[in-house]
Structure formats: structure tokens, C-alpha cells
């Protein structure tokens, strides 16, 4: 399973990436106290005739932690729970057997820094604000807390169809599909129905799925809001809310939709909210304060592990020579699986078509590519049927594929943080990777901000002579490979 390293991050805890924690501790630190506190708040509101949600719903905070074999019947009998010492930190958390069995079955034996920092608090029902990027294992952190709460607090009454108990909001379709895949892997021994809701996929089909029993919804904001407004989905019973990559949703203009969605969930006093963001601007901090209650703050060094395991090269390359360098790079033995990042859709399309004419096994990911084709292209890339993926930043944000040998910045991104996200596609989970930035005169203006973000000056070099050999004349269009 290619998604496993992204789900749990590295199998060992990096010694040089220690999390810092800020937030309330003590009086509500235990799981029982925290959940009973929220339940008491809801009960008080109900007695006074107030709704705890903008829509009618029931929170399960504070209910009994006894297991319900009837309501949480496994899909099939899980294997014997593993010896707790074999799953490292996860064995210290007193997780349900269904989860420890899944963690063991997935082959992971220790937690990442973000998991060690988040899980003790999220399992106790506390709200979380975490600064952590993709590849750090944050997905497993919030999924484990969601599933644990559901298993330890069985529902006393059934939910209506289309009424999930957990909601995860993410900015891109690829990231939503990845989180959905991760959730299904972790819940393989639990009777949980996970539904992904994204644009670009058949609307009626998704509507039909939401009209059945729904437990966890993972969604992009726009399509989910459409279903909320049509009353296909009811968020009034959401007791676990996750907002992933909040900074990206802010930059993509999704925050108004996210606000409208959150208004449809129970009040923050009776739900648990976890917010994850690669960066914390003033706007993100203000939003987090509005959406959470006395949150624990966790900060993980951004992409520290990825950057340390990535060999970053900066080639001074004339604009007209970039394709020559790229073409010759693909012929090197060390280059096995490559992502080429380009800034604009039209540039991406032209580069993709030019690569096709040179018989390079490649695929393209941009916002203009239909969702079904994007899914198929990404699967072809994971399975090795294509060697090169040409992508824009937005489309590439949700790419989590193991063993990417090289990332090439055909253009430097205008936002320096996107540079860190790009090179983080390689060198994942402690493996080595290489990033190559092709810097022409136009790109040079972006380098000062990138160096500031990296906290160091970089070394510039000329491309090796063998990479500068002119690419052969492209074959005619009729002879290009068909996919």
C-alpha cells in the first residue's frame, strides 16, 4: 500500500524534530473529565431550550466508554491484538483492540513527533491546533482519535441516514481521497462507513451514497456545502471535526465555505475540533480561536525531516535550455519516478504534450483535468505505468506516493512555502530524494524568499554538461504513445 508511509510518517521518531506543546493542562486532562465537561454543557443547553447546533443534532460527548458489541460489530473478527510493545508508543495509549490490530496489520511500530504530541490530548477529548505538514503522520493522529472515541462511546440511539458523526474537511480532491483511503485502512476491523465528497465526480452517485448510513465524511468544502444546502447531508450530529491544511484553504479562497459548513455543526463546546496547518498566519490563528475551545497547541518543525533527506540542487539554466536538461535527466539510471512542477495550467499542458511527443511515459495533473482521469493518472503513477507526473501546485498538493526519486521545479513557485511542499514529495519517511530547480532569469527573483524560508543560502551551479545536450527533434504527433 503506497499510502502507508504518509499515513503514519516515519516508522521511527526523528530525534531532531521535537514538538512543542502549548495549552491548558490539568483540570480537564483526563478523557472522562473532558468528555463529561462537554456533555454537561450540552445537557445544560438542552434544559434551557437552546440548540447546541445551528441544525438539530445530538452530541455523544461524555457518554459511557463501555464497548457496545451490538452497535460496533466488526466487519469480521480481528486478529489477536498484538503485544503492545511491538507497536511502540501506540501500545502505551490504551487504544481499542480493533485499532491496535489495524496498526499492527499495517506494519507500523512507532509514532511520529506529531502523533506523540497530539494523541494524548486528542484522545482525552481536547481541541487541537497543530502546525504540521503533509508527511508528518498527522492523518493517522486525527483518525485514531476519531475512531477511538467512536469505539469507546457507542451511540445510544441511531443516527438518521446522511448524518455523520465525524467530518474531515480538506482543500483538494486528491487529499480527500488519500485521507479516505487511510481511514478505511485504520478502520478495517470496525464497522465504519467512510464517504468521500469531492467535486468533479458524479453528483448523483455521491448523493446516493450520502442517502445511506454515513459515519465519517471526508470532503472538499464546495461540494459538501452543496449537499448541505440541498439537505442531503446533516452535520448536526458531528462530534469530531477536523480541518486539514487550513492555510491552503485560506489561500484558495475556501474559508467562507468552511465557515458556512462549521455553522451547520454543533457548537464547539460539544464537539471536538482539530485544526492542522503548515503555517500559522494571523488569519489562521484568528480562525482557530473562533472554531476551537481551549485548544492544545502543537508545533512541529516544518518539513524538517523531508528537507534533511532531500539533496537540493539549483541549476542556473536558460529558459530555452530547460527542456534539454529535463529530457536528459530522464535517461539517468537514478531517475525512477519524477514529479515536475509547473506554475500555470497552460505551461503544464504544453510541457506535457512536448514530453509525449518525445515518447516519455508521463501524465498530467491540473485543475482542468477531469477528476476521473486525475484518479486514473495518479494510480498509473503509483503503479509505475508512467514515469513522470507533470503537475501544478494545487493538483500536486495531495500527491502521496512512495519512492519518488526526483522532484523538478520547472518553474520556481511564487509562494516560497510551495517550494517546501514540492520538495516534500520526495525524501519521505526517511528515504533519500533529490530536488532539482531549473532557475532562469525570471525565476531568480523568487530565490531570496525561498532562502529566507529555508534559513540558509543555497549554492547555485551550472547543470552537468551531459544534461545540456540538445534534446532530439520530437517525433511527429502520430507516433507519440497512446494511453
Protein backbone atom coordinates (compact mmCIF):
# COMPACT_ATOMS: atom_id res chain seq x y z
CA UNK A 1 0.00 0.00 0.00
CA UNK A 2 1.68 3.16 -1.21
CA UNK A 3 -0.18 5.40 1.22
CA UNK A 4 1.15 3.82 4.42
CA UNK A 5 4.24 5.97 4.88
CA UNK A 6 2.15 9.09 4.54
CA UNK A 7 -0.44 7.78 6.98
CA UNK A 8 1.99 7.08 9.80
CA UNK A 9 5.02 9.04 8.65
CA UNK A 10 8.38 7.57 9.55
CA UNK A 11 8.48 4.28 11.37
CA UNK A 12 10.85 5.77 13.89
CA UNK A 13 10.78 9.06 15.75
CA UNK A 14 13.37 11.57 14.49
CA UNK A 15 15.46 12.75 17.41
CA UNK A 16 15.97 16.20 15.96
CA UNK A 17 12.30 17.01 15.43
CA UNK A 18 10.85 17.57 18.87
CA UNK A 19 7.36 19.02 19.14
CA UNK A 20 6.46 21.85 21.42
CA UNK A 21 3.12 21.93 23.18
CA UNK A 22 1.18 24.90 24.43
CA UNK A 23 -2.24 24.88 26.01
CA UNK A 24 -4.32 24.09 29.05
CA UNK A 25 -3.38 21.12 31.14
CA UNK A 26 -4.51 19.66 34.44
CA UNK A 27 -8.17 20.10 35.32
CA UNK A 28 -9.54 18.58 32.13
CA UNK A 29 -6.61 16.40 31.16
CA UNK A 30 -8.31 13.04 31.56
CA UNK A 31 -10.58 11.61 28.91
CA UNK A 32 -13.52 11.17 31.28
CA UNK A 33 -13.35 14.68 32.75
CA UNK A 34 -13.03 16.35 29.38
CA UNK A 35 -15.90 14.47 27.77
CA UNK A 36 -18.16 14.83 30.80
CA UNK A 37 -17.49 18.57 30.80
CA UNK A 38 -18.64 18.90 27.20
CA UNK A 39 -21.62 16.64 27.77
CA UNK A 40 -22.65 18.71 30.78
CA UNK A 41 -22.53 21.83 28.63
CA UNK A 42 -24.85 20.25 26.08
CA UNK A 43 -27.26 18.98 28.73
CA UNK A 44 -27.43 22.43 30.31
CA UNK A 45 -28.20 23.97 26.94
CA UNK A 46 -30.91 21.40 26.29
CA UNK A 47 -32.55 22.08 29.64
CA UNK A 48 -32.71 25.80 28.88
CA UNK A 49 -34.20 25.10 25.46
CA UNK A 50 -31.12 26.14 23.47
CA UNK A 51 -29.87 24.30 20.42
CA UNK A 52 -26.21 23.36 20.53
CA UNK A 53 -26.09 23.28 16.75
CA UNK A 54 -27.34 25.51 14.00
CA UNK A 55 -29.16 22.36 12.95
CA UNK A 56 -30.81 19.86 15.22
CA UNK A 57 -28.42 17.12 16.30
CA UNK A 58 -27.06 15.10 19.17
CA UNK A 59 -23.52 15.09 20.51
CA UNK A 60 -22.12 11.95 22.09
CA UNK A 61 -19.55 13.64 24.33
CA UNK A 62 -19.39 12.20 27.81
CA UNK A 63 -21.33 9.03 27.20
CA UNK A 64 -20.26 5.69 28.64
CA UNK A 65 -16.90 4.35 27.49
CA UNK A 66 -18.13 0.76 27.67
CA UNK A 67 -17.87 -1.07 24.37
CA UNK A 68 -21.05 -1.95 22.51
CA UNK A 69 -20.64 -5.21 20.65
CA UNK A 70 -24.07 -4.75 19.09
CA UNK A 71 -23.62 -1.29 17.61
CA UNK A 72 -19.91 -1.56 16.77
CA UNK A 73 -19.89 -5.06 15.40
CA UNK A 74 -16.66 -5.68 13.46
CA UNK A 75 -16.90 -6.48 9.78
CA UNK A 76 -15.10 -9.70 10.71
CA UNK A 77 -13.24 -10.95 13.74
CA UNK A 78 -9.96 -9.03 14.07
CA UNK A 79 -6.76 -10.97 14.66
CA UNK A 80 -5.47 -11.42 18.17
CA UNK A 81 -4.35 -7.97 19.42
CA UNK A 82 -0.58 -7.57 19.10
CA UNK A 83 1.80 -7.44 22.03
CA UNK A 84 1.71 -3.75 22.95
CA UNK A 85 5.49 -3.42 22.95
CA UNK A 86 5.53 -4.29 19.24
CA UNK A 87 3.67 -1.10 18.27
CA UNK A 88 5.77 1.28 20.37
CA UNK A 89 4.09 4.47 21.50
CA UNK A 90 0.72 3.32 20.19
CA UNK A 91 0.81 0.48 22.72
CA UNK A 92 1.02 3.00 25.56
CA UNK A 93 -2.23 4.76 24.63
CA UNK A 94 -4.71 2.07 25.72
CA UNK A 95 -6.32 2.05 22.27
CA UNK A 96 -9.20 -0.30 21.40
CA UNK A 97 -8.14 -3.74 20.21
CA UNK A 98 -9.62 -3.06 16.77
CA UNK A 99 -7.21 -0.15 16.30
CA UNK A 100 -4.09 -1.81 17.71
CA UNK A 101 -4.79 -4.76 15.42
CA UNK A 102 -5.08 -2.44 12.40
CA UNK A 103 -1.90 -0.54 13.32
CA UNK A 104 -0.04 -3.83 13.66
CA UNK A 105 -1.50 -5.19 10.42
CA UNK A 106 -0.28 -2.07 8.61
CA UNK A 107 3.23 -2.82 9.86
CA UNK A 108 3.98 0.25 11.95
CA UNK A 109 5.85 0.07 15.20
CA UNK A 110 6.31 3.62 16.42
CA UNK A 111 4.80 7.10 16.29
CA UNK A 112 5.99 10.32 14.69
CA UNK A 113 6.52 13.58 16.64
CA UNK A 114 3.12 14.98 15.69
CA UNK A 115 1.40 11.77 16.77
CA UNK A 116 3.23 11.76 20.10
CA UNK A 117 2.28 15.37 20.70
CA UNK A 118 -1.34 15.24 19.53
CA UNK A 119 -2.72 11.85 20.54
CA UNK A 120 -2.52 12.10 24.36
CA UNK A 121 -4.61 15.29 24.16
CA UNK A 122 -6.95 14.40 21.31
CA UNK A 123 -7.76 11.03 22.90
CA UNK A 124 -8.67 12.98 26.06
CA UNK A 125 -11.22 14.95 24.01
CA UNK A 126 -9.27 18.20 23.91
CA UNK A 127 -9.28 20.51 20.91
CA UNK A 128 -6.07 20.65 18.88
CA UNK A 129 -4.32 23.36 16.86
CA UNK A 130 -1.27 21.78 15.23
CA UNK A 131 1.34 23.22 12.91
CA UNK A 132 2.30 20.21 10.83
CA UNK A 133 2.69 19.50 7.15
CA UNK A 134 1.96 16.50 4.97
CA UNK A 135 4.22 13.53 5.52
CA UNK A 136 4.41 14.03 9.29
CA UNK A 137 1.78 11.41 10.17
CA UNK A 138 -0.93 13.91 11.17
CA UNK A 139 -3.60 11.98 9.24
CA UNK A 140 -3.19 8.96 11.50
CA UNK A 141 -3.21 11.23 14.55
CA UNK A 142 -6.67 12.64 13.93
CA UNK A 143 -8.12 9.40 12.53
CA UNK A 144 -7.02 7.37 15.56
CA UNK A 145 -8.69 9.82 17.93
CA UNK A 146 -11.91 9.83 15.86
CA UNK A 147 -12.12 6.03 15.73
CA UNK A 148 -11.17 5.58 19.38
CA UNK A 149 -13.90 7.92 20.53
CA UNK A 150 -16.48 6.15 18.41
CA UNK A 151 -15.50 2.72 19.74
CA UNK A 152 -15.34 3.79 23.38
CA UNK A 153 -18.54 5.85 23.30
CA UNK A 154 -21.15 3.78 21.45
CA UNK A 155 -24.27 5.59 20.33
CA UNK A 156 -27.37 5.09 22.45
CA UNK A 157 -29.65 5.95 19.56
CA UNK A 158 -29.15 5.53 15.84
CA UNK A 159 -28.38 8.40 13.50
CA UNK A 160 -30.51 9.24 10.50
CA UNK A 161 -29.15 8.46 7.05
CA UNK A 162 -26.77 11.08 5.74
CA UNK A 163 -25.82 12.11 9.29
CA UNK A 164 -22.12 11.50 10.04
CA UNK A 165 -20.55 11.56 13.48
CA UNK A 166 -17.20 12.81 12.12
CA UNK A 167 -16.25 15.31 9.43
CA UNK A 168 -12.85 15.96 7.86
CA UNK A 169 -12.51 18.99 5.57
CA UNK A 170 -9.52 19.22 3.21
CA UNK A 171 -8.71 21.62 0.35
CA UNK A 172 -8.05 19.30 -2.61
CA UNK A 173 -9.71 16.29 -4.16
CA UNK A 174 -6.51 14.26 -4.09
CA UNK A 175 -6.01 14.89 -0.38
CA UNK A 176 -9.62 13.97 0.38
CA UNK A 177 -9.26 10.67 -1.49
CA UNK A 178 -5.98 9.95 0.30
CA UNK A 179 -7.48 10.58 3.75
CA UNK A 180 -10.44 8.38 2.84
CA UNK A 181 -8.08 5.57 1.87
CA UNK A 182 -6.20 6.00 5.16
CA UNK A 183 -9.43 5.97 7.17
CA UNK A 184 -10.55 2.72 5.55
CA UNK A 185 -7.18 1.13 6.33
CA UNK A 186 -7.32 2.09 10.01
CA UNK A 187 -10.97 1.02 10.34
CA UNK A 188 -10.50 -2.33 8.62
CA UNK A 189 -11.71 -4.16 11.77
CA UNK A 190 -14.54 -1.72 12.57
CA UNK A 191 -17.99 -1.40 11.02
CA UNK A 192 -17.41 2.14 9.76
CA UNK A 193 -18.71 3.67 6.54
CA UNK A 194 -16.33 6.33 5.20
CA UNK A 195 -17.56 8.53 2.34
CA UNK A 196 -15.51 10.99 0.27
CA UNK A 197 -17.29 14.05 -1.11
CA UNK A 198 -15.48 15.99 -3.84
CA UNK A 199 -16.22 17.95 -6.97
CA UNK A 200 -15.51 16.55 -10.42
CA UNK A 201 -17.13 13.19 -9.63
CA UNK A 202 -20.70 12.21 -10.49
CA UNK A 203 -23.00 14.30 -8.28
CA UNK A 204 -25.93 11.85 -8.29
CA UNK A 205 -23.70 8.94 -7.31
CA UNK A 206 -22.35 10.84 -4.31
CA UNK A 207 -25.86 11.92 -3.35
CA UNK A 208 -26.97 8.28 -3.36
CA UNK A 209 -24.03 7.33 -1.13
CA UNK A 210 -24.92 10.09 1.33
CA UNK A 211 -28.51 8.90 1.49
CA UNK A 212 -27.30 5.69 3.14
CA UNK A 213 -25.72 5.22 6.54
CA UNK A 214 -22.75 7.57 6.79
CA UNK A 215 -20.23 7.57 9.66
CA UNK A 216 -17.24 9.63 8.54
CA UNK A 217 -17.37 12.20 5.74
CA UNK A 218 -14.13 13.45 4.17
CA UNK A 219 -14.84 16.37 1.87
CA UNK A 220 -13.75 19.42 -0.04
CA UNK A 221 -15.72 22.50 1.07
CA UNK A 222 -17.60 23.40 -2.12
CA UNK A 223 -19.24 20.08 -2.92
CA UNK A 224 -20.03 19.40 0.76
CA UNK A 225 -21.77 22.77 1.10
CA UNK A 226 -23.88 21.94 -1.96
CA UNK A 227 -25.09 18.77 -0.26
CA UNK A 228 -25.71 20.62 3.00
CA UNK A 229 -27.86 23.22 1.26
CA UNK A 230 -29.85 20.51 -0.51
CA UNK A 231 -30.31 18.77 2.87
CA UNK A 232 -28.72 15.62 1.55
CA UNK A 233 -26.27 15.60 4.44
CA UNK A 234 -26.97 16.71 8.02
CA UNK A 235 -23.99 17.82 10.11
CA UNK A 236 -25.98 18.27 13.30
CA UNK A 237 -24.54 15.11 14.91
CA UNK A 238 -20.87 15.76 14.16
CA UNK A 239 -18.92 15.39 17.38
CA UNK A 240 -15.47 15.17 15.75
CA UNK A 241 -14.43 17.91 13.31
CA UNK A 242 -11.07 18.06 11.54
CA UNK A 243 -9.91 20.98 9.40
CA UNK A 244 -6.83 19.86 7.46
CA UNK A 245 -4.38 22.17 5.67
CA UNK A 246 -6.21 25.28 6.83
CA UNK A 247 -3.57 27.57 5.32
CA UNK A 248 -4.14 26.11 1.88
CA UNK A 249 -7.90 26.53 2.21
CA UNK A 250 -7.32 30.16 3.13
CA UNK A 251 -5.07 30.78 0.11
CA UNK A 252 -7.55 29.03 -2.21
CA UNK A 253 -10.46 31.17 -1.00
CA UNK A 254 -12.38 28.34 0.67
CA UNK A 255 -12.76 29.91 4.13
CA UNK A 256 -16.28 31.37 3.51
CA UNK A 257 -17.48 27.87 2.56
CA UNK A 258 -15.71 26.36 5.58
CA UNK A 259 -17.38 28.88 7.88
CA UNK A 260 -20.78 28.04 6.39
CA UNK A 261 -20.11 24.34 6.96
CA UNK A 262 -18.97 24.77 10.56
CA UNK A 263 -22.11 26.76 11.34
CA UNK A 264 -24.05 23.61 10.50
CA UNK A 265 -22.20 21.51 13.09
CA UNK A 266 -22.84 21.51 16.87
CA UNK A 267 -21.30 24.33 18.91
CA UNK A 268 -17.62 23.99 19.74
CA UNK A 269 -18.46 23.29 23.40
CA UNK A 270 -19.99 19.93 22.47
CA UNK A 271 -17.76 18.84 19.63
CA UNK A 272 -14.05 18.17 19.36
CA UNK A 273 -12.21 20.27 16.78
CA UNK A 274 -8.74 19.56 15.43
CA UNK A 275 -7.13 22.07 13.05
CA UNK A 276 -3.92 21.34 11.16
CA UNK A 277 -1.97 23.89 9.15
CA UNK A 278 1.52 24.00 7.68
CA UNK A 279 1.83 27.65 8.68
CA UNK A 280 0.10 29.87 11.23
CA UNK A 281 -0.63 33.34 9.88
CA UNK A 282 -2.63 35.84 11.88
CA UNK A 283 -5.72 34.94 9.86
CA UNK A 284 -5.32 31.23 10.61
CA UNK A 285 -4.79 31.91 14.32
CA UNK A 286 -7.93 34.06 14.43
CA UNK A 287 -9.99 31.38 12.70
CA UNK A 288 -8.63 28.70 15.01
CA UNK A 289 -9.63 30.72 18.07
CA UNK A 290 -13.17 31.05 16.73
CA UNK A 291 -13.55 27.35 15.94
CA UNK A 292 -11.89 25.72 18.97
CA UNK A 293 -12.29 25.74 22.74
CA UNK A 294 -9.19 25.95 24.97
CA UNK A 295 -7.08 24.13 22.38
CA UNK A 296 -3.74 22.44 22.94
CA UNK A 297 -1.21 23.95 20.55
CA UNK A 298 1.37 21.73 18.91
CA UNK A 299 4.20 22.93 16.69
CA UNK A 300 6.24 20.59 14.53
CA UNK A 301 9.26 21.89 12.65
CA UNK A 302 8.03 22.36 9.05
CA UNK A 303 9.21 19.63 6.69
CA UNK A 304 12.40 19.28 8.71
CA UNK A 305 12.76 15.57 8.08
CA UNK A 306 11.99 15.88 4.37
CA UNK A 307 14.38 18.75 3.82
CA UNK A 308 17.22 16.94 5.60
CA UNK A 309 16.80 13.86 3.42
CA UNK A 310 16.47 15.76 0.14
CA UNK A 311 19.51 16.66 -1.94
CA UNK A 312 18.54 20.14 -3.16
CA UNK A 313 20.21 21.27 -6.38
CA UNK A 314 19.80 24.65 -8.05
CA UNK A 315 20.78 24.68 -11.73
CA UNK A 316 21.23 28.03 -13.46
CA UNK A 317 19.51 27.27 -16.74
CA UNK A 318 18.47 29.46 -19.64
CA UNK A 319 14.75 29.30 -20.28
CA UNK A 320 15.21 27.72 -23.72
CA UNK A 321 17.53 25.02 -22.27
CA UNK A 322 15.17 23.79 -19.54
CA UNK A 323 13.58 21.07 -21.64
CA UNK A 324 17.00 19.79 -22.73
CA UNK A 325 18.04 19.38 -19.09
CA UNK A 326 14.74 17.71 -18.25
CA UNK A 327 14.86 15.31 -21.20
CA UNK A 328 18.42 14.20 -20.46
CA UNK A 329 17.65 13.83 -16.77
CA UNK A 330 15.05 11.16 -17.53
CA UNK A 331 17.75 8.99 -19.11
CA UNK A 332 19.81 8.75 -15.92
CA UNK A 333 19.66 5.41 -14.10
CA UNK A 334 18.99 7.03 -10.71
CA UNK A 335 15.83 8.67 -12.00
CA UNK A 336 12.94 6.26 -11.49
CA UNK A 337 9.83 8.25 -10.57
CA UNK A 338 9.61 12.02 -11.09
CA UNK A 339 7.22 14.87 -10.40
CA UNK A 340 7.75 18.00 -12.47
CA UNK A 341 6.09 21.10 -11.00
CA UNK A 342 4.98 23.93 -13.27
CA UNK A 343 3.30 27.15 -12.16
CA UNK A 344 0.44 27.55 -14.64
CA UNK A 345 -2.04 25.23 -16.30
CA UNK A 346 -1.19 26.31 -19.84
CA UNK A 347 2.53 25.80 -19.20
CA UNK A 348 1.81 22.39 -17.70
CA UNK A 349 -0.23 21.33 -20.71
CA UNK A 350 2.41 22.48 -23.22
CA UNK A 351 5.19 20.69 -21.34
CA UNK A 352 3.13 17.51 -21.04
CA UNK A 353 2.35 17.49 -24.77
CA UNK A 354 6.00 18.10 -25.63
CA UNK A 355 7.09 15.21 -23.39
CA UNK A 356 4.52 12.95 -25.05
CA UNK A 357 5.94 13.78 -28.47
CA UNK A 358 9.33 12.62 -27.16
CA UNK A 359 7.83 9.26 -26.12
CA UNK A 360 8.21 9.94 -22.41
CA UNK A 361 5.78 7.94 -20.26
CA UNK A 362 4.06 10.82 -18.50
CA UNK A 363 0.80 12.04 -17.03
CA UNK A 364 -0.64 15.44 -16.18
CA UNK A 365 -2.41 16.72 -13.07
CA UNK A 366 -4.05 20.15 -13.20
CA UNK A 367 -7.36 21.55 -12.10
CA UNK A 368 -8.68 21.37 -15.66
CA UNK A 369 -8.20 17.60 -15.93
CA UNK A 370 -11.45 15.71 -15.19
CA UNK A 371 -11.45 14.07 -11.79
CA UNK A 372 -11.81 10.52 -13.07
CA UNK A 373 -8.82 10.98 -15.35
CA UNK A 374 -6.81 12.52 -12.50
CA UNK A 375 -7.51 9.50 -10.32
CA UNK A 376 -6.52 7.13 -13.12
CA UNK A 377 -3.34 9.12 -13.83
CA UNK A 378 -2.32 9.10 -10.19
CA UNK A 379 -2.94 5.37 -9.98
CA UNK A 380 -0.82 4.81 -13.11
CA UNK A 381 1.96 6.83 -11.48
CA UNK A 382 1.75 4.83 -8.25
CA UNK A 383 1.82 1.53 -10.12
CA UNK A 384 4.77 2.57 -12.33
CA UNK A 385 2.89 2.58 -15.62
CA UNK A 386 4.06 6.15 -16.13
CA UNK A 387 7.42 7.53 -15.03
CA UNK A 388 6.76 11.26 -14.90
CA UNK A 389 3.95 13.34 -13.48
CA UNK A 390 3.62 16.97 -14.60
CA UNK A 391 1.59 18.92 -12.06
CA UNK A 392 0.57 22.32 -10.76
CA UNK A 393 0.86 23.12 -7.05
CA UNK A 394 -2.86 22.83 -6.30
CA UNK A 395 -3.19 19.46 -8.05
CA UNK A 396 0.08 18.19 -6.60
CA UNK A 397 -0.78 19.07 -3.02
CA UNK A 398 -2.49 15.75 -2.39
CA UNK A 399 0.13 13.53 -4.07
CA UNK A 400 1.37 10.99 -1.54
CA UNK A 401 3.38 8.39 -3.43
CA UNK A 402 6.30 6.42 -2.05
CA UNK A 403 9.72 6.18 -3.68
CA UNK A 404 9.64 9.37 -5.74
CA UNK A 405 13.30 9.72 -6.68
CA UNK A 406 13.22 13.27 -8.04
CA UNK A 407 11.17 16.44 -7.87
CA UNK A 408 11.90 19.00 -10.59
CA UNK A 409 10.88 22.64 -10.28
CA UNK A 410 10.49 23.59 -13.94
CA UNK A 411 9.45 27.00 -12.63
CA UNK A 412 10.07 28.26 -9.11
CA UNK A 413 6.82 28.84 -7.21
CA UNK A 414 5.74 32.39 -6.45
CA UNK A 415 4.92 31.37 -2.87
CA UNK A 416 8.13 30.18 -1.13
CA UNK A 417 6.14 27.81 1.09
CA UNK A 418 5.08 25.93 -2.03
CA UNK A 419 8.77 25.18 -2.64
CA UNK A 420 8.95 23.31 0.66
CA UNK A 421 5.73 21.46 -0.12
CA UNK A 422 7.05 20.48 -3.54
CA UNK A 423 10.34 19.01 -2.40
CA UNK A 424 8.48 17.24 0.41
CA UNK A 425 7.04 14.88 -2.22
CA UNK A 426 10.43 13.13 -2.24
CA UNK A 427 12.68 12.10 0.64
CA UNK A 428 9.65 10.88 2.58
CA UNK A 429 9.72 8.62 5.64
CA UNK A 430 13.48 8.89 5.96
CA UNK A 431 14.30 7.80 2.40
CA UNK A 432 16.66 9.84 0.24
CA UNK A 433 15.43 12.03 -2.60
CA UNK A 434 16.62 14.74 -4.97
CA UNK A 435 15.06 18.05 -5.92
CA UNK A 436 16.30 19.97 -8.95
CA UNK A 437 15.29 23.59 -9.54
CA UNK A 438 15.83 24.97 -13.03
CA UNK A 439 16.46 28.66 -12.47
CA UNK A 440 16.29 31.10 -15.34
CA UNK A 441 16.33 34.88 -15.11
CA UNK A 442 12.61 35.09 -14.29
CA UNK A 443 12.94 32.51 -11.51
CA UNK A 444 15.84 34.28 -9.82
CA UNK A 445 13.51 36.85 -8.27
CA UNK A 446 11.88 34.11 -6.16
CA UNK A 447 15.10 32.81 -4.63
CA UNK A 448 15.62 35.40 -1.83
CA UNK A 449 12.27 34.50 -0.24
CA UNK A 450 12.99 30.77 -0.59
CA UNK A 451 16.39 31.20 1.06
CA UNK A 452 14.77 33.16 3.88
CA UNK A 453 12.25 30.37 4.45
CA UNK A 454 14.99 27.72 4.37
CA UNK A 455 17.08 29.78 6.77
CA UNK A 456 20.22 29.41 4.68
CA UNK A 457 21.86 30.50 1.48
CA UNK A 458 21.90 27.94 -1.30
CA UNK A 459 24.64 27.03 -3.75
CA UNK A 460 23.96 27.63 -7.43
CA UNK A 461 25.63 25.58 -10.13
CA UNK A 462 25.62 25.01 -13.85
CA UNK A 463 23.93 21.81 -15.00
CA UNK A 464 26.35 18.96 -15.74
CA UNK A 465 27.43 19.07 -19.36
CA UNK A 466 25.64 15.82 -20.30
CA UNK A 467 22.31 17.36 -19.24
CA UNK A 468 22.79 20.26 -21.67
CA UNK A 469 22.90 18.13 -24.81
CA UNK A 470 20.08 19.28 -27.11
CA UNK A 471 17.03 17.06 -26.98
CA UNK A 472 16.39 15.22 -30.25
CA UNK A 473 13.81 16.52 -32.63
CA UNK A 474 10.36 15.45 -31.49
CA UNK A 475 8.69 12.69 -33.49
CA UNK A 476 5.52 13.54 -35.32
CA UNK A 477 2.31 13.64 -33.28
CA UNK A 478 1.06 10.46 -34.93
CA UNK A 479 3.88 8.42 -33.41
CA UNK A 480 3.51 9.54 -29.81
CA UNK A 481 2.49 6.87 -27.30
CA UNK A 482 -1.17 6.42 -26.58
CA UNK A 483 -2.51 5.96 -23.05
